[in-house]
Amino acid sequence: MSPKLVDRLTSERARQVGATLSLQTSIPTPGLITLSGGTPDFPTPPHIVEAGQRALADGHTTYTAWAGLPILREAIAEKLQRDNGITADPGREILVTAGSQAGLMSLILATFDPGDELIVPMPFYEEYARNLMLAGAKLVPVMTRMEDAFEVDPAAIEQAITPQTKGILLISPSNPTATVLGKQTLLRIAELATRHDLLVISDELYERFVYDDFQHHSIAALPGMWERTVVINGFSKCYSMTGWRVGYVAARREVIEAMIPITHGMTICAPSVSQWAALAAYTGPQDWFGDVLAEYDRRRQCWMTGLAAMGLGYGHPRGAYYITVDVRPTGLTARQFSALVREEAGVMIGGGGSDPHNEHFVRGSLTTSFDKLEEALARMGTVVERLRVEAGQ
């Protein structure tokens, strides 16, 4: 293969997307404690695993309907009505996807043209930017403040609206900021989305992870908002099914109909065995999750205590299983801090996205066992103390 052909093999958009993505290594580092993982560390509940095993034994190993098993879509519709106050037609307004991330990619390709803009509160999960880049569209970041627990100001969203704006993306509970948008904030965003005739994409993947007295509200349930809202959700986080690869999109039928050909082109359908397991997730017992949430809350408290002892600020974590940490007191950028604590303390923590406005925040996670978390925070604290002494603080 000639060098010229090799150079032509990769599209410019693929090169741009690849430049924003750090590829994972499969080589483990002895003694390294990861404090930034996005995979829940509790096992998939046994009744869900058993449902998947039964599906295999019963021969459910072929394609399903492109939009997903009808019985699963009915269960999703029932869940949306019961838990979120959303009325969706299971036959025409729900699409099961191979994970929520595949659903997001399909949605962006189906609804955004080159030059269109999507407003996204920052800090954000960078897959949103990559998806928009592949569609030739533009992500428009709106800054949030750590002092406000990273809850976006609707007035800042409105200031970012241009003639090219097609929509607003909301992530609540949020990865990576752990914010949960209050109902009054959602009402204000709903009003401006209606007034400016904008689409709202509501990523609700972490909806069950909420702490203290905070509550998850779906903007799609507000008056008049189902007409212009797309809800993205799935089973990966709340049911510890990351490897099962099954999620869903709920929206008006016009959106779902536009997405189905793209979803078919990428995956045909979500894995059939996983769909049967997902059905068990929504129709089976739910009380086991209380113990999971209590343990994650214990780790959340550990994080806040440890960071306070280090003198590092953070956005108060209201939901999801992350905590966003301000490393400015160390005098380092997020990338520098992450590299240093990995090298000196054997601790991996996420930090340093591609946007310079986000260069002082690192993402911590609650998905490490309590004992390991305490050890890792102690190691990290030693590094932070040295840095602050050297800086004369």
Protein backbone atom coordinates (compact mmCIF):
# COMPACT_ATOMS: atom_id res chain seq x y z
CA MET A 1 0.00 0.00 0.00
CA SER A 2 1.49 3.32 -1.04
CA PRO A 3 2.06 6.14 1.49
CA LYS A 4 -0.28 8.32 -0.59
CA LEU A 5 -3.11 5.79 -0.26
CA VAL A 6 -2.46 5.38 3.45
CA ASP A 7 -2.77 9.14 3.86
CA ARG A 8 -6.05 9.13 1.92
CA LEU A 9 -7.59 6.26 3.90
CA THR A 10 -8.60 8.42 6.85
CA SER A 11 -11.11 11.22 6.41
CA GLU A 12 -10.42 14.67 7.81
CA ARG A 13 -13.35 14.34 10.22
CA ALA A 14 -12.03 11.01 11.49
CA ARG A 15 -8.64 12.60 12.09
CA GLN A 16 -10.25 15.48 13.97
CA VAL A 17 -12.31 13.13 16.13
CA GLY A 18 -9.31 10.90 16.79
CA ALA A 19 -7.29 13.88 17.99
CA THR A 20 -9.79 14.41 20.83
CA LEU A 21 -9.82 10.80 22.00
CA SER A 22 -7.23 9.14 24.20
CA LEU A 23 -7.20 5.45 23.30
CA GLN A 24 -7.26 3.06 26.24
CA THR A 25 -4.36 0.77 26.90
CA SER A 26 -5.00 -2.87 27.70
CA ILE A 27 -1.82 -3.15 29.79
CA PRO A 28 -2.63 -2.93 33.53
CA THR A 29 -0.36 -0.92 35.82
CA PRO A 30 0.43 -2.75 39.09
CA GLY A 31 -0.77 -0.83 42.15
CA LEU A 32 -2.63 1.81 40.14
CA ILE A 33 -5.95 2.89 41.63
CA THR A 34 -8.44 4.35 39.18
CA LEU A 35 -10.55 7.22 40.48
CA SER A 36 -12.18 8.26 37.24
CA GLY A 37 -13.98 5.20 35.89
CA GLY A 38 -17.38 5.47 34.27
CA THR A 39 -18.35 1.82 34.76
CA PRO A 40 -20.39 1.02 37.89
CA ASP A 41 -18.63 -1.48 40.11
CA PHE A 42 -21.71 -3.33 41.35
CA PRO A 43 -22.61 -6.49 39.38
CA THR A 44 -25.54 -6.78 37.02
CA PRO A 45 -28.42 -7.94 39.28
CA PRO A 46 -28.88 -11.74 39.16
CA HIS A 47 -32.46 -11.67 37.82
CA ILE A 48 -31.25 -9.67 34.82
CA VAL A 49 -28.39 -12.08 34.13
CA GLU A 50 -30.81 -15.00 34.42
CA ALA A 51 -33.13 -13.36 31.88
CA GLY A 52 -30.24 -13.08 29.45
CA GLN A 53 -29.34 -16.72 30.01
CA ARG A 54 -32.95 -17.77 29.39
CA ALA A 55 -32.99 -15.75 26.19
CA LEU A 56 -29.94 -17.65 24.97
CA ALA A 57 -31.44 -21.00 25.95
CA ASP A 58 -34.71 -20.10 24.23
CA GLY A 59 -32.93 -19.24 21.00
CA HIS A 60 -33.44 -15.47 21.04
CA THR A 61 -30.24 -14.92 19.08
CA THR A 62 -31.53 -13.43 15.83
CA TYR A 63 -32.40 -9.90 14.77
CA THR A 64 -35.32 -8.23 16.46
CA ALA A 65 -37.51 -5.52 14.95
CA TRP A 66 -35.24 -2.63 14.02
CA ALA A 67 -36.83 -0.40 16.67
CA GLY A 68 -36.51 -3.10 19.32
CA LEU A 69 -38.62 -5.84 20.84
CA PRO A 70 -42.25 -4.64 21.02
CA ILE A 71 -42.58 -6.01 24.55
CA LEU A 72 -39.49 -4.07 25.65
CA ARG A 73 -40.75 -0.86 24.08
CA GLU A 74 -44.02 -1.33 25.94
CA ALA A 75 -42.11 -1.75 29.22
CA ILE A 76 -40.10 1.40 28.46
CA ALA A 77 -43.29 3.34 27.77
CA GLU A 78 -44.77 2.14 31.06
CA LYS A 79 -41.62 3.17 32.90
CA LEU A 80 -41.59 6.63 31.29
CA GLN A 81 -45.23 7.17 32.28
CA ARG A 82 -44.80 5.85 35.81
CA ASP A 83 -41.45 7.38 36.75
CA ASN A 84 -41.15 10.44 34.53
CA GLY A 85 -44.67 11.55 33.66
CA ILE A 86 -43.99 11.10 29.92
CA THR A 87 -46.57 9.59 27.59
CA ALA A 88 -44.88 7.92 24.62
CA ASP A 89 -46.38 5.59 22.01
CA PRO A 90 -44.33 2.35 22.28
CA GLY A 91 -45.03 1.53 18.64
CA ARG A 92 -43.83 4.79 17.09
CA GLU A 93 -42.05 6.93 19.67
CA ILE A 94 -39.46 4.62 21.22
CA LEU A 95 -36.30 3.27 19.59
CA VAL A 96 -34.12 0.69 21.35
CA THR A 97 -30.44 1.17 20.53
CA ALA A 98 -27.12 -0.60 21.13
CA GLY A 99 -26.43 1.56 24.15
CA SER A 100 -27.38 5.18 24.78
CA GLN A 101 -24.18 6.36 23.09
CA ALA A 102 -25.23 4.71 19.83
CA GLY A 103 -28.62 6.34 20.27
CA LEU A 104 -26.99 9.75 20.64
CA MET A 105 -24.86 9.22 17.53
CA SER A 106 -27.88 8.15 15.50
CA LEU A 107 -29.88 11.12 16.79
CA ILE A 108 -27.19 13.66 15.89
CA LEU A 109 -26.79 12.23 12.38
CA ALA A 110 -30.56 12.18 11.89
CA THR A 111 -31.30 15.71 13.09
CA PHE A 112 -28.21 17.90 12.60
CA ASP A 113 -26.88 19.25 9.31
CA PRO A 114 -23.45 20.80 8.68
CA GLY A 115 -23.36 24.23 10.27
CA ASP A 116 -26.10 23.56 12.81
CA GLU A 117 -25.28 24.39 16.45
CA LEU A 118 -26.06 22.56 19.68
CA ILE A 119 -25.72 24.40 23.00
CA VAL A 120 -24.12 22.27 25.73
CA PRO A 121 -23.37 23.20 29.37
CA MET A 122 -19.68 22.88 30.22
CA PRO A 123 -17.89 20.82 31.55
CA PHE A 124 -19.37 18.07 29.39
CA TYR A 125 -18.79 14.48 28.29
CA GLU A 126 -16.68 14.86 25.18
CA GLU A 127 -18.51 12.26 23.11
CA TYR A 128 -21.12 14.94 22.42
CA ALA A 129 -18.49 17.07 20.67
CA ARG A 130 -17.20 14.11 18.65
CA ASN A 131 -20.68 13.16 17.48
CA LEU A 132 -21.40 16.70 16.35
CA MET A 133 -18.03 16.88 14.62
CA LEU A 134 -18.85 13.76 12.60
CA ALA A 135 -22.13 15.37 11.53
CA GLY A 136 -20.36 18.57 10.53
CA ALA A 137 -22.28 20.43 13.23
CA LYS A 138 -20.91 22.62 16.02
CA LEU A 139 -21.00 22.31 19.78
CA VAL A 140 -21.47 25.67 21.50
CA PRO A 141 -20.32 25.48 25.13
CA VAL A 142 -22.00 27.45 27.89
CA MET A 143 -19.91 27.87 30.99
CA THR A 144 -21.23 26.87 34.40
CA ARG A 145 -19.84 27.77 37.82
CA MET A 146 -18.47 25.43 40.44
CA GLU A 147 -20.08 27.67 43.08
CA ASP A 148 -23.48 26.84 41.57
CA ALA A 149 -22.72 23.08 41.58
CA PHE A 150 -22.36 23.50 37.80
CA GLU A 151 -26.09 24.08 37.31
CA VAL A 152 -26.47 25.94 34.03
CA ASP A 153 -27.96 29.44 33.99
CA PRO A 154 -30.82 29.64 31.44
CA ALA A 155 -29.86 33.26 30.75
CA ALA A 156 -26.41 32.09 29.62
CA ILE A 157 -28.07 29.55 27.30
CA GLU A 158 -30.19 32.29 25.75
CA GLN A 159 -27.13 34.48 25.18
CA ALA A 160 -25.54 31.63 23.21
CA ILE A 161 -28.48 31.25 20.79
CA THR A 162 -27.73 32.23 17.19
CA PRO A 163 -29.62 31.78 13.90
CA GLN A 164 -27.71 28.49 13.50
CA THR A 165 -28.83 27.07 16.86
CA LYS A 166 -30.93 23.94 16.42
CA GLY A 167 -31.02 22.65 19.96
CA ILE A 168 -29.98 22.52 23.60
CA LEU A 169 -28.44 19.48 25.27
CA LEU A 170 -29.21 18.85 28.95
CA ILE A 171 -27.46 16.18 31.01
CA SER A 172 -29.12 15.62 34.37
CA PRO A 173 -27.86 14.02 36.53
CA SER A 174 -24.62 15.00 34.85
CA ASN A 175 -21.46 13.32 33.73
CA PRO A 176 -18.96 14.77 34.68
CA THR A 177 -20.25 17.54 36.96
CA ALA A 178 -22.75 15.53 39.07
CA THR A 179 -25.24 18.39 38.91
CA VAL A 180 -28.99 17.80 38.94
CA LEU A 181 -31.07 20.46 37.25
CA GLY A 182 -33.82 21.89 39.45
CA LYS A 183 -37.38 22.15 38.23
CA GLN A 184 -37.32 25.95 38.12
CA THR A 185 -34.22 25.86 35.91
CA LEU A 186 -35.92 23.37 33.61
CA LEU A 187 -39.04 25.54 33.41
CA ARG A 188 -36.96 28.53 32.33
CA ILE A 189 -35.10 26.46 29.72
CA ALA A 190 -38.41 25.07 28.46
CA GLU A 191 -39.74 28.59 28.03
CA LEU A 192 -36.80 29.81 26.00
CA ALA A 193 -36.67 26.60 23.92
CA THR A 194 -40.32 27.14 23.02
CA ARG A 195 -39.86 30.83 22.31
CA HIS A 196 -36.86 30.20 20.05
CA ASP A 197 -38.35 26.99 18.56
CA LEU A 198 -35.43 24.76 19.56
CA LEU A 199 -34.99 21.02 19.99
CA VAL A 200 -34.06 19.81 23.48
CA ILE A 201 -31.98 16.65 23.93
CA SER A 202 -32.30 15.35 27.48
CA ASP A 203 -29.68 12.78 28.52
CA GLU A 204 -31.12 11.03 31.58
CA LEU A 205 -28.86 7.99 31.80
CA TYR A 206 -28.00 8.55 35.50
CA GLU A 207 -31.54 9.38 36.62
CA ARG A 208 -31.60 7.07 39.67
CA PHE A 209 -28.34 8.36 41.12
CA VAL A 210 -29.55 11.37 43.16
CA TYR A 211 -28.48 12.34 46.69
CA ASP A 212 -29.64 14.45 49.61
CA ASP A 213 -33.02 15.99 48.79
CA PHE A 214 -32.41 16.45 45.08
CA GLN A 215 -34.83 14.96 42.58
CA HIS A 216 -34.58 14.08 38.92
CA HIS A 217 -37.10 15.81 36.66
CA SER A 218 -37.44 15.21 32.94
CA ILE A 219 -37.96 18.36 30.90
CA ALA A 220 -40.02 16.26 28.46
CA ALA A 221 -42.77 16.02 31.10
CA LEU A 222 -43.24 19.78 31.33
CA PRO A 223 -46.24 21.30 29.54
CA GLY A 224 -45.72 21.42 25.78
CA MET A 225 -42.18 20.01 25.91
CA TRP A 226 -42.80 16.48 24.62
CA GLU A 227 -43.33 18.05 21.19
CA ARG A 228 -39.71 19.24 21.04
CA THR A 229 -37.76 16.97 23.43
CA VAL A 230 -35.73 13.83 22.76
CA VAL A 231 -35.04 11.68 25.84
CA ILE A 232 -31.94 9.48 25.85
CA ASN A 233 -31.71 6.77 28.47
CA GLY A 234 -30.57 3.21 28.96
CA PHE A 235 -29.55 0.44 31.30
CA SER A 236 -25.76 0.74 31.48
CA LYS A 237 -25.42 2.81 34.64
CA CYS A 238 -28.47 2.26 36.84
CA TYR A 239 -28.50 -1.50 36.20
CA SER A 240 -24.74 -2.02 35.74
CA MET A 241 -25.21 -3.28 32.18
CA THR A 242 -22.44 -1.40 30.36
CA GLY A 243 -21.32 -4.46 28.42
CA TRP A 244 -24.83 -5.52 27.46
CA ARG A 245 -25.10 -2.50 25.12
CA VAL A 246 -28.75 -1.56 25.27
CA GLY A 247 -30.31 1.88 25.58
CA TYR A 248 -33.20 3.78 24.06
CA VAL A 249 -34.43 7.05 22.63
CA ALA A 250 -37.93 8.40 23.23
CA ALA A 251 -39.22 11.19 20.99
CA ARG A 252 -41.91 12.25 18.57
CA ARG A 253 -42.42 9.74 15.77
CA GLU A 254 -40.87 12.07 13.16
CA VAL A 255 -37.55 11.91 15.04
CA ILE A 256 -37.71 8.16 15.54
CA GLU A 257 -38.54 7.57 11.88
CA ALA A 258 -35.52 9.65 10.85
CA MET A 259 -33.27 7.71 13.23
CA ILE A 260 -34.28 4.16 12.29
CA PRO A 261 -32.44 3.95 8.93
CA ILE A 262 -29.25 5.32 10.52
CA THR A 263 -29.52 2.97 13.49
CA HIS A 264 -30.09 0.07 11.10
CA GLY A 265 -27.00 1.05 9.14
CA MET A 266 -24.85 1.02 12.27
CA THR A 267 -26.16 -2.00 14.21
CA ILE A 268 -29.42 -3.22 12.53
CA CYS A 269 -30.84 -3.59 16.03
CA ALA A 270 -29.68 -3.74 19.62
CA PRO A 271 -28.40 -7.20 20.72
CA SER A 272 -31.45 -9.39 21.10
CA VAL A 273 -30.26 -11.18 24.24
CA SER A 274 -29.55 -7.82 25.84
CA GLN A 275 -33.04 -6.61 25.03
CA TRP A 276 -34.57 -9.53 26.92
CA ALA A 277 -32.27 -8.76 29.85
CA ALA A 278 -33.32 -5.10 29.70
CA LEU A 279 -36.95 -6.18 29.85
CA ALA A 280 -36.19 -7.98 33.12
CA ALA A 281 -34.45 -4.85 34.40
CA TYR A 282 -37.57 -2.72 34.00
CA THR A 283 -40.17 -5.33 34.96
CA GLY A 284 -38.26 -7.04 37.76
CA PRO A 285 -37.57 -5.97 41.37
CA GLN A 286 -36.17 -2.49 41.99
CA ASP A 287 -35.61 -2.44 45.76
CA TRP A 288 -32.03 -3.75 45.50
CA PHE A 289 -30.93 -0.35 44.18
CA GLY A 290 -31.34 1.30 47.58
CA ASP A 291 -28.26 -0.46 48.93
CA VAL A 292 -26.28 0.50 45.84
CA LEU A 293 -27.21 4.16 46.17
CA ALA A 294 -26.37 4.16 49.89
CA GLU A 295 -22.87 2.82 49.18
CA TYR A 296 -22.28 5.38 46.45
CA ASP A 297 -23.42 8.10 48.83
CA ARG A 298 -20.91 6.85 51.42
CA ARG A 299 -18.15 7.16 48.83
CA ARG A 300 -19.43 10.61 47.86
CA GLN A 301 -19.04 11.74 51.47
CA CYS A 302 -15.54 10.25 51.53
CA TRP A 303 -14.60 12.27 48.46
CA MET A 304 -15.91 15.53 49.93
CA THR A 305 -14.12 14.97 53.24
CA GLY A 306 -10.86 14.09 51.49
CA LEU A 307 -10.94 17.07 49.15
CA ALA A 308 -11.74 19.47 51.98
CA ALA A 309 -8.67 18.18 53.83
CA MET A 310 -6.55 18.82 50.72
CA GLY A 311 -7.94 22.33 50.27
CA LEU A 312 -9.31 21.54 46.81
CA GLY A 313 -12.67 22.89 45.73
CA TYR A 314 -15.38 20.89 44.01
CA GLY A 315 -18.89 21.22 42.70
CA HIS A 316 -21.28 19.78 45.27
CA PRO A 317 -22.23 16.37 43.78
CA ARG A 318 -26.02 16.18 43.61
CA GLY A 319 -26.30 13.11 41.40
CA ALA A 320 -24.68 10.59 39.03
CA TYR A 321 -21.49 9.05 40.43
CA TYR A 322 -18.86 11.68 39.75
CA ILE A 323 -17.30 14.69 41.42
CA THR A 324 -15.64 17.55 39.54
CA VAL A 325 -12.54 18.84 41.33
CA ASP A 326 -10.87 22.24 40.94
CA VAL A 327 -7.06 21.76 40.89
CA ARG A 328 -6.13 25.44 40.54
CA PRO A 329 -4.74 25.59 44.12
CA THR A 330 -1.99 23.21 42.98
CA GLY A 331 -0.82 25.60 40.27
CA LEU A 332 -1.25 22.88 37.65
CA THR A 333 -3.62 22.36 34.77
CA ALA A 334 -5.92 19.37 34.87
CA ARG A 335 -3.72 17.40 32.48
CA GLN A 336 -0.57 18.22 34.43
CA PHE A 337 -2.22 17.27 37.71
CA SER A 338 -3.56 13.99 36.33
CA ALA A 339 -0.15 13.03 34.94
CA LEU A 340 1.61 13.92 38.20
CA VAL A 341 -0.65 11.98 40.56
CA ARG A 342 -0.47 8.98 38.28
CA GLU A 343 3.33 9.09 38.23
CA GLU A 344 3.94 9.94 41.89
CA ALA A 345 0.94 8.44 43.67
CA GLY A 346 -0.24 5.62 41.41
CA VAL A 347 -3.67 7.23 41.11
CA MET A 348 -5.54 7.71 37.83
CA ILE A 349 -7.97 10.58 37.72
CA GLY A 350 -9.60 12.05 34.64
CA GLY A 351 -8.53 15.51 33.64
CA GLY A 352 -8.01 17.85 30.79
CA GLY A 353 -10.47 17.80 27.97
CA SER A 354 -9.80 19.28 24.56
CA ASP A 355 -11.36 22.65 25.42
CA PRO A 356 -9.08 25.20 27.12
CA HIS A 357 -12.01 26.59 29.15
CA ASN A 358 -12.06 23.28 31.04
CA GLU A 359 -8.37 23.01 31.82
CA HIS A 360 -8.59 23.31 35.63
CA PHE A 361 -11.13 20.58 36.46
CA VAL A 362 -10.59 16.84 36.89
CA ARG A 363 -13.30 14.20 37.09
CA GLY A 364 -13.38 11.90 40.06
CA SER A 365 -15.66 8.89 40.31
CA LEU A 366 -17.53 6.97 42.99
CA THR A 367 -17.01 3.63 41.23
CA THR A 368 -14.01 2.55 43.33
CA SER A 369 -14.48 0.51 46.50
CA PHE A 370 -14.49 2.50 49.74
CA ASP A 371 -11.17 1.10 51.00
CA LYS A 372 -9.42 1.75 47.70
CA LEU A 373 -10.96 5.22 47.55
CA GLU A 374 -9.62 6.12 51.00
CA GLU A 375 -6.16 4.87 50.05
CA ALA A 376 -6.14 6.72 46.73
CA LEU A 377 -7.27 10.00 48.31
CA ALA A 378 -4.53 9.69 50.94
CA ARG A 379 -1.94 9.17 48.20
CA MET A 380 -3.29 12.09 46.21
CA GLY A 381 -3.34 14.25 49.34
CA THR A 382 0.39 13.73 49.84
CA VAL A 383 1.08 15.08 46.34
CA VAL A 384 -1.27 18.02 46.81
CA GLU A 385 0.32 18.93 50.14
CA ARG A 386 3.78 19.00 48.56
CA LEU A 387 2.58 21.16 45.70
CA ARG A 388 0.95 23.63 48.04
CA VAL A 389 4.01 23.84 50.26
CA GLU A 390 6.17 24.51 47.21
CA ALA A 391 3.73 27.22 46.13
CA GLY A 392 3.98 28.84 49.59
CA GLN A 393 0.33 28.25 50.49
